[in-house]
Amino acid sequence: MRLVVDLNRCQGYAQCAFLAPDVFAMHGDEGLLYDPEADEAQREKLAQAAAACPVQAILVDSVDAAPAEAVSGER
């Protein structure tokens, strides 16, 4: 799973750090630290954190292997 936070948009509300403390942490008053390669076990907490972000600065994306038909060109 890949996690991207738009740090220009982030306002430091820290809802993400509250909901997923294993992935997000505040550094000082406004600096957000996070693990961009979050563990799959954190998926539900990350979804909650992304939904709770007041400025929608968090994007959670699955990184899956490409399906066989996409690789072989079949449709």
PDB file of N, CA and C in Angstrom:
ATOM      1  N   MET A   1       0.845  -1.162   0.000  1.00  0.00           N
ATOM      2  CA  MET A   1       0.000   0.000   0.000  1.00  0.00           C
ATOM      3  C   MET A   1       0.898   1.235   0.000  1.00  0.00           C
ATOM      4  N   ARG A   2       0.512   2.216  -0.786  1.00  0.00           N
ATOM      5  CA  ARG A   2       1.285   3.446  -0.862  1.00  0.00           C
ATOM      6  C   ARG A   2       0.455   4.580  -0.275  1.00  0.00           C
ATOM      7  N   LEU A   3       1.125   5.436   0.448  1.00  0.00           N
ATOM      8  CA  LEU A   3       0.482   6.551   1.116  1.00  0.00           C
ATOM      9  C   LEU A   3       1.163   7.833   0.677  1.00  0.00           C
ATOM     10  N   VAL A   4       0.365   8.826   0.277  1.00  0.00           N
ATOM     11  CA  VAL A   4       0.900  10.119  -0.131  1.00  0.00           C
ATOM     12  C   VAL A   4       0.150  11.198   0.635  1.00  0.00           C
ATOM     13  N   VAL A   5       0.911  12.125   1.210  1.00  0.00           N
ATOM     14  CA  VAL A   5       0.311  13.258   1.899  1.00  0.00           C
ATOM     15  C   VAL A   5       0.795  14.525   1.207  1.00  0.00           C
ATOM     16  N   ASP A   6      -0.141  15.369   0.820  1.00  0.00           N
ATOM     17  CA  ASP A   6       0.194  16.669   0.234  1.00  0.00           C
ATOM     18  C   ASP A   6       0.560  17.594   1.396  1.00  0.00           C
ATOM     19  N   LEU A   7       1.858  17.722   1.645  1.00  0.00           N
ATOM     20  CA  LEU A   7       2.318  18.503   2.785  1.00  0.00           C
ATOM     21  C   LEU A   7       2.091  19.994   2.597  1.00  0.00           C
ATOM     22  N   ASN A   8       1.863  20.436   1.377  1.00  0.00           N
ATOM     23  CA  ASN A   8       1.509  21.835   1.152  1.00  0.00           C
ATOM     24  C   ASN A   8       0.058  22.104   1.567  1.00  0.00           C
ATOM     25  N   ARG A   9      -0.762  21.091   1.474  1.00  0.00           N
ATOM     26  CA  ARG A   9      -2.171  21.215   1.839  1.00  0.00           C
ATOM     27  C   ARG A   9      -2.385  20.955   3.331  1.00  0.00           C
ATOM     28  N   CYS A  10      -1.561  20.079   3.911  1.00  0.00           N
ATOM     29  CA  CYS A  10      -1.699  19.703   5.329  1.00  0.00           C
ATOM     30  C   CYS A  10      -1.618  20.943   6.217  1.00  0.00           C
ATOM     31  N   GLN A  11      -2.558  21.051   7.143  1.00  0.00           N
ATOM     32  CA  GLN A  11      -2.611  22.188   8.070  1.00  0.00           C
ATOM     33  C   GLN A  11      -2.257  21.793   9.508  1.00  0.00           C
ATOM     34  N   GLY A  12      -1.851  20.540   9.709  1.00  0.00           N
ATOM     35  CA  GLY A  12      -1.423  20.097  11.035  1.00  0.00           C
ATOM     36  C   GLY A  12      -2.550  19.871  12.023  1.00  0.00           C
ATOM     37  N   TYR A  13      -3.731  19.506  11.550  1.00  0.00           N
ATOM     38  CA  TYR A  13      -4.845  19.229  12.457  1.00  0.00           C
ATOM     39  C   TYR A  13      -4.620  17.955  13.275  1.00  0.00           C
ATOM     40  N   ALA A  14      -3.767  17.049  12.786  1.00  0.00           N
ATOM     41  CA  ALA A  14      -3.332  15.839  13.491  1.00  0.00           C
ATOM     42  C   ALA A  14      -4.415  14.782  13.667  1.00  0.00           C
ATOM     43  N   GLN A  15      -5.498  14.865  12.915  1.00  0.00           N
ATOM     44  CA  GLN A  15      -6.516  13.817  12.990  1.00  0.00           C
ATOM     45  C   GLN A  15      -5.928  12.481  12.546  1.00  0.00           C
ATOM     46  N   CYS A  16      -5.049  12.509  11.556  1.00  0.00           N
ATOM     47  CA  CYS A  16      -4.425  11.285  11.066  1.00  0.00           C
ATOM     48  C   CYS A  16      -3.554  10.637  12.147  1.00  0.00           C
ATOM     49  N   ALA A  17      -2.788  11.463  12.858  1.00  0.00           N
ATOM     50  CA  ALA A  17      -1.916  10.938  13.914  1.00  0.00           C
ATOM     51  C   ALA A  17      -2.728  10.341  15.055  1.00  0.00           C
ATOM     52  N   PHE A  18      -3.889  10.891  15.306  1.00  0.00           N
ATOM     53  CA  PHE A  18      -4.778  10.361  16.336  1.00  0.00           C
ATOM     54  C   PHE A  18      -5.383   9.027  15.908  1.00  0.00           C
ATOM     55  N   LEU A  19      -5.791   8.924  14.634  1.00  0.00           N
ATOM     56  CA  LEU A  19      -6.477   7.723  14.145  1.00  0.00           C
ATOM     57  C   LEU A  19      -5.529   6.598  13.719  1.00  0.00           C
ATOM     58  N   ALA A  20      -4.322   6.936  13.265  1.00  0.00           N
ATOM     59  CA  ALA A  20      -3.360   5.920  12.820  1.00  0.00           C
ATOM     60  C   ALA A  20      -1.962   6.274  13.338  1.00  0.00           C
ATOM     61  N   PRO A  21      -1.766   6.175  14.655  1.00  0.00           N
ATOM     62  CA  PRO A  21      -0.489   6.600  15.253  1.00  0.00           C
ATOM     63  C   PRO A  21       0.719   5.759  14.846  1.00  0.00           C
ATOM     64  N   ASP A  22       0.495   4.562  14.318  1.00  0.00           N
ATOM     65  CA  ASP A  22       1.616   3.741  13.858  1.00  0.00           C
ATOM     66  C   ASP A  22       2.151   4.215  12.511  1.00  0.00           C
ATOM     67  N   VAL A  23       1.398   5.066  11.823  1.00  0.00           N
ATOM     68  CA  VAL A  23       1.778   5.534  10.494  1.00  0.00           C
ATOM     69  C   VAL A  23       2.112   7.029  10.493  1.00  0.00           C
ATOM     70  N   PHE A  24       1.343   7.817  11.248  1.00  0.00           N
ATOM     71  CA  PHE A  24       1.497   9.270  11.266  1.00  0.00           C
ATOM     72  C   PHE A  24       1.982   9.747  12.626  1.00  0.00           C
ATOM     73  N   ALA A  25       2.794  10.804  12.616  1.00  0.00           N
ATOM     74  CA  ALA A  25       3.230  11.435  13.857  1.00  0.00           C
ATOM     75  C   ALA A  25       3.473  12.911  13.583  1.00  0.00           C
ATOM     76  N   MET A  26       3.152  13.726  14.562  1.00  0.00           N
ATOM     77  CA  MET A  26       3.410  15.150  14.434  1.00  0.00           C
ATOM     78  C   MET A  26       4.811  15.444  14.960  1.00  0.00           C
ATOM     79  N   HIS A  27       5.523  16.292  14.249  1.00  0.00           N
ATOM     80  CA  HIS A  27       6.855  16.737  14.649  1.00  0.00           C
ATOM     81  C   HIS A  27       6.741  18.232  14.912  1.00  0.00           C
ATOM     82  N   GLY A  28       6.689  18.591  16.164  1.00  0.00           N
ATOM     83  CA  GLY A  28       6.450  19.984  16.506  1.00  0.00           C
ATOM     84  C   GLY A  28       4.978  20.314  16.346  1.00  0.00           C
ATOM     85  N   ASP A  29       4.689  21.574  16.088  1.00  0.00           N
ATOM     86  CA  ASP A  29       3.292  22.006  15.980  1.00  0.00           C
ATOM     87  C   ASP A  29       2.678  21.726  14.622  1.00  0.00           C
ATOM     88  N   GLU A  30       3.475  21.746  13.556  1.00  0.00           N
ATOM     89  CA  GLU A  30       2.900  21.650  12.226  1.00  0.00           C
ATOM     90  C   GLU A  30       3.537  20.605  11.317  1.00  0.00           C
ATOM     91  N   GLY A  31       4.658  20.023  11.698  1.00  0.00           N
ATOM     92  CA  GLY A  31       5.352  19.081  10.825  1.00  0.00           C
ATOM     93  C   GLY A  31       4.794  17.678  10.946  1.00  0.00           C
ATOM     94  N   LEU A  32       4.384  17.105   9.832  1.00  0.00           N
ATOM     95  CA  LEU A  32       3.831  15.752   9.826  1.00  0.00           C
ATOM     96  C   LEU A  32       4.871  14.771   9.305  1.00  0.00           C
ATOM     97  N   LEU A  33       5.093  13.717  10.048  1.00  0.00           N
ATOM     98  CA  LEU A  33       5.938  12.611   9.620  1.00  0.00           C
ATOM     99  C   LEU A  33       5.019  11.425   9.351  1.00  0.00           C
ATOM    100  N   TYR A  34       5.336  10.649   8.304  1.00  0.00           N
ATOM    101  CA  TYR A  34       4.505   9.480   8.000  1.00  0.00           C
ATOM    102  C   TYR A  34       5.314   8.444   7.246  1.00  0.00           C
ATOM    103  N   ASP A  35       4.824   7.224   7.259  1.00  0.00           N
ATOM    104  CA  ASP A  35       5.447   6.105   6.559  1.00  0.00           C
ATOM    105  C   ASP A  35       4.758   5.951   5.205  1.00  0.00           C
ATOM    106  N   PRO A  36       5.432   6.305   4.096  1.00  0.00           N
ATOM    107  CA  PRO A  36       4.786   6.231   2.777  1.00  0.00           C
ATOM    108  C   PRO A  36       4.504   4.806   2.307  1.00  0.00           C
ATOM    109  N   GLU A  37       5.159   3.829   2.904  1.00  0.00           N
ATOM    110  CA  GLU A  37       4.943   2.420   2.550  1.00  0.00           C
ATOM    111  C   GLU A  37       4.259   1.717   3.721  1.00  0.00           C
ATOM    112  N   ALA A  38       3.068   2.147   4.044  1.00  0.00           N
ATOM    113  CA  ALA A  38       2.342   1.611   5.189  1.00  0.00           C
ATOM    114  C   ALA A  38       1.988   0.144   4.990  1.00  0.00           C
ATOM    115  N   ASP A  39       1.903  -0.563   6.086  1.00  0.00           N
ATOM    116  CA  ASP A  39       1.580  -1.984   6.086  1.00  0.00           C
ATOM    117  C   ASP A  39       0.102  -2.191   5.744  1.00  0.00           C
ATOM    118  N   GLU A  40      -0.183  -3.230   5.015  1.00  0.00           N
ATOM    119  CA  GLU A  40      -1.551  -3.554   4.600  1.00  0.00           C
ATOM    120  C   GLU A  40      -2.487  -3.703   5.807  1.00  0.00           C
ATOM    121  N   ALA A  41      -1.949  -4.121   6.932  1.00  0.00           N
ATOM    122  CA  ALA A  41      -2.764  -4.291   8.140  1.00  0.00           C
ATOM    123  C   ALA A  41      -3.320  -2.957   8.636  1.00  0.00           C
ATOM    124  N   GLN A  42      -2.743  -1.861   8.194  1.00  0.00           N
ATOM    125  CA  GLN A  42      -3.187  -0.533   8.615  1.00  0.00           C
ATOM    126  C   GLN A  42      -4.274   0.046   7.707  1.00  0.00           C
ATOM    127  N   ARG A  43      -4.718  -0.709   6.711  1.00  0.00           N
ATOM    128  CA  ARG A  43      -5.635  -0.185   5.688  1.00  0.00           C
ATOM    129  C   ARG A  43      -6.872   0.511   6.282  1.00  0.00           C
ATOM    130  N   GLU A  44      -7.549  -0.109   7.218  1.00  0.00           N
ATOM    131  CA  GLU A  44      -8.779   0.481   7.754  1.00  0.00           C
ATOM    132  C   GLU A  44      -8.482   1.779   8.506  1.00  0.00           C
ATOM    133  N   LYS A  45      -7.430   1.774   9.315  1.00  0.00           N
ATOM    134  CA  LYS A  45      -7.063   2.989  10.042  1.00  0.00           C
ATOM    135  C   LYS A  45      -6.657   4.106   9.086  1.00  0.00           C
ATOM    136  N   LEU A  46      -5.957   3.754   8.011  1.00  0.00           N
ATOM    137  CA  LEU A  46      -5.561   4.767   7.031  1.00  0.00           C
ATOM    138  C   LEU A  46      -6.764   5.332   6.293  1.00  0.00           C
ATOM    139  N   ALA A  47      -7.727   4.495   5.993  1.00  0.00           N
ATOM    140  CA  ALA A  47      -8.953   4.971   5.345  1.00  0.00           C
ATOM    141  C   ALA A  47      -9.694   5.943   6.263  1.00  0.00           C
ATOM    142  N   GLN A  48      -9.739   5.633   7.545  1.00  0.00           N
ATOM    143  CA  GLN A  48     -10.378   6.525   8.510  1.00  0.00           C
ATOM    144  C   GLN A  48      -9.617   7.843   8.622  1.00  0.00           C
ATOM    145  N   ALA A  49      -8.290   7.750   8.651  1.00  0.00           N
ATOM    146  CA  ALA A  49      -7.462   8.956   8.750  1.00  0.00           C
ATOM    147  C   ALA A  49      -7.636   9.837   7.521  1.00  0.00           C
ATOM    148  N   ALA A  50      -7.657   9.233   6.343  1.00  0.00           N
ATOM    149  CA  ALA A  50      -7.839  10.001   5.112  1.00  0.00           C
ATOM    150  C   ALA A  50      -9.204  10.673   5.090  1.00  0.00           C
ATOM    151  N   ALA A  51     -10.236   9.956   5.528  1.00  0.00           N
ATOM    152  CA  ALA A  51     -11.582  10.516   5.546  1.00  0.00           C
ATOM    153  C   ALA A  51     -11.713  11.641   6.577  1.00  0.00           C
ATOM    154  N   ALA A  52     -10.952  11.551   7.669  1.00  0.00           N
ATOM    155  CA  ALA A  52     -11.047  12.541   8.738  1.00  0.00           C
ATOM    156  C   ALA A  52     -10.223  13.794   8.469  1.00  0.00           C
ATOM    157  N   CYS A  53      -9.344  13.761   7.500  1.00  0.00           N
ATOM    158  CA  CYS A  53      -8.493  14.917   7.212  1.00  0.00           C
ATOM    159  C   CYS A  53      -9.370  16.087   6.745  1.00  0.00           C
ATOM    160  N   PRO A  54      -9.384  17.190   7.481  1.00  0.00           N
ATOM    161  CA  PRO A  54     -10.245  18.314   7.117  1.00  0.00           C
ATOM    162  C   PRO A  54      -9.918  18.950   5.772  1.00  0.00           C
ATOM    163  N   VAL A  55      -8.671  18.798   5.310  1.00  0.00           N
ATOM    164  CA  VAL A  55      -8.276  19.419   4.036  1.00  0.00           C
ATOM    165  C   VAL A  55      -8.022  18.386   2.945  1.00  0.00           C
ATOM    166  N   GLN A  56      -8.372  17.122   3.228  1.00  0.00           N
ATOM    167  CA  GLN A  56      -8.225  16.025   2.259  1.00  0.00           C
ATOM    168  C   GLN A  56      -6.819  15.958   1.664  1.00  0.00           C
ATOM    169  N   ALA A  57      -5.823  15.970   2.536  1.00  0.00           N
ATOM    170  CA  ALA A  57      -4.423  15.960   2.110  1.00  0.00           C
ATOM    171  C   ALA A  57      -3.840  14.553   1.977  1.00  0.00           C
ATOM    172  N   ILE A  58      -4.605  13.521   2.343  1.00  0.00           N
ATOM    173  CA  ILE A  58      -4.087  12.151   2.383  1.00  0.00           C
ATOM    174  C   ILE A  58      -4.668  11.321   1.250  1.00  0.00           C
ATOM    175  N   LEU A  59      -3.787  10.644   0.522  1.00  0.00           N
ATOM    176  CA  LEU A  59      -4.197   9.723  -0.535  1.00  0.00           C
ATOM    177  C   LEU A  59      -3.643   8.349  -0.206  1.00  0.00           C
ATOM    178  N   VAL A  60      -4.521   7.355  -0.125  1.00  0.00           N
ATOM    179  CA  VAL A  60      -4.134   5.964   0.122  1.00  0.00           C
ATOM    180  C   VAL A  60      -4.371   5.208  -1.171  1.00  0.00           C
ATOM    181  N   ASP A  61      -3.332   4.529  -1.649  1.00  0.00           N
ATOM    182  CA  ASP A  61      -3.401   3.835  -2.928  1.00  0.00           C
ATOM    183  C   ASP A  61      -2.896   2.413  -2.756  1.00  0.00           C
ATOM    184  N   SER A  62      -3.598   1.459  -3.357  1.00  0.00           N
ATOM    185  CA  SER A  62      -3.133   0.074  -3.351  1.00  0.00           C
ATOM    186  C   SER A  62      -2.052  -0.088  -4.398  1.00  0.00           C
ATOM    187  N   VAL A  63      -1.045  -0.833  -4.056  1.00  0.00           N
ATOM    188  CA  VAL A  63      -0.002  -1.168  -5.009  1.00  0.00           C
ATOM    189  C   VAL A  63      -0.066  -2.671  -5.187  1.00  0.00           C
ATOM    190  N   ASP A  64      -0.789  -3.086  -6.218  1.00  0.00           N
ATOM    191  CA  ASP A  64      -0.981  -4.500  -6.491  1.00  0.00           C
ATOM    192  C   ASP A  64      -0.216  -4.870  -7.750  1.00  0.00           C
ATOM    193  N   ALA A  65       0.102  -6.137  -7.853  1.00  0.00           N
ATOM    194  CA  ALA A  65       0.705  -6.615  -9.100  1.00  0.00           C
ATOM    195  C   ALA A  65      -0.324  -6.466 -10.216  1.00  0.00           C
ATOM    196  N   ALA A  66       0.139  -6.178 -11.407  1.00  0.00           N
ATOM    197  CA  ALA A  66      -0.772  -6.009 -12.536  1.00  0.00           C
ATOM    198  C   ALA A  66      -1.471  -7.319 -12.833  1.00  0.00           C
ATOM    199  N   PRO A  67      -2.761  -7.277 -13.144  1.00  0.00           N
ATOM    200  CA  PRO A  67      -3.474  -8.510 -13.509  1.00  0.00           C
ATOM    201  C   PRO A  67      -2.851  -9.178 -14.730  1.00  0.00           C
ATOM    202  N   ALA A  68      -2.957 -10.482 -14.799  1.00  0.00           N
ATOM    203  CA  ALA A  68      -2.336 -11.246 -15.888  1.00  0.00           C
ATOM    204  C   ALA A  68      -2.819 -10.781 -17.257  1.00  0.00           C
ATOM    205  N   GLU A  69      -4.102 -10.465 -17.397  1.00  0.00           N
ATOM    206  CA  GLU A  69      -4.603 -10.059 -18.706  1.00  0.00           C
ATOM    207  C   GLU A  69      -4.041  -8.706 -19.134  1.00  0.00           C
ATOM    208  N   ALA A  70      -3.734  -7.844 -18.196  1.00  0.00           N
ATOM    209  CA  ALA A  70      -3.143  -6.547 -18.543  1.00  0.00           C
ATOM    210  C   ALA A  70      -1.697  -6.718 -19.000  1.00  0.00           C
ATOM    211  N   VAL A  71      -1.004  -7.683 -18.406  1.00  0.00           N
ATOM    212  CA  VAL A  71       0.384  -7.936 -18.766  1.00  0.00           C
ATOM    213  C   VAL A  71       0.474  -8.596 -20.137  1.00  0.00           C
ATOM    214  N   SER A  72      -0.433  -9.551 -20.386  1.00  0.00           N
ATOM    215  CA  SER A  72      -0.369 -10.286 -21.650  1.00  0.00           C
ATOM    216  C   SER A  72      -1.040  -9.561 -22.801  1.00  0.00           C
ATOM    217  N   GLY A  73      -1.805  -8.514 -22.496  1.00  0.00           N
ATOM    218  CA  GLY A  73      -2.477  -7.761 -23.533  1.00  0.00           C
ATOM    219  C   GLY A  73      -3.868  -8.296 -23.872  1.00  0.00           C
ATOM    220  N   GLU A  74      -4.323  -9.334 -23.165  1.00  0.00           N
ATOM    221  CA  GLU A  74      -5.660  -9.873 -23.398  1.00  0.00           C
ATOM    222  C   GLU A  74      -6.697  -8.971 -22.778  1.00  0.00           C
ATOM    223  N   ARG A  75      -7.914  -8.998 -23.335  1.00  0.00           N
ATOM    224  CA  ARG A  75      -9.006  -8.204 -22.750  1.00  0.00           C
ATOM    225  C   ARG A  75     -10.212  -9.039 -22.553  1.00  0.00           C
TER     226      ARG A  75
END
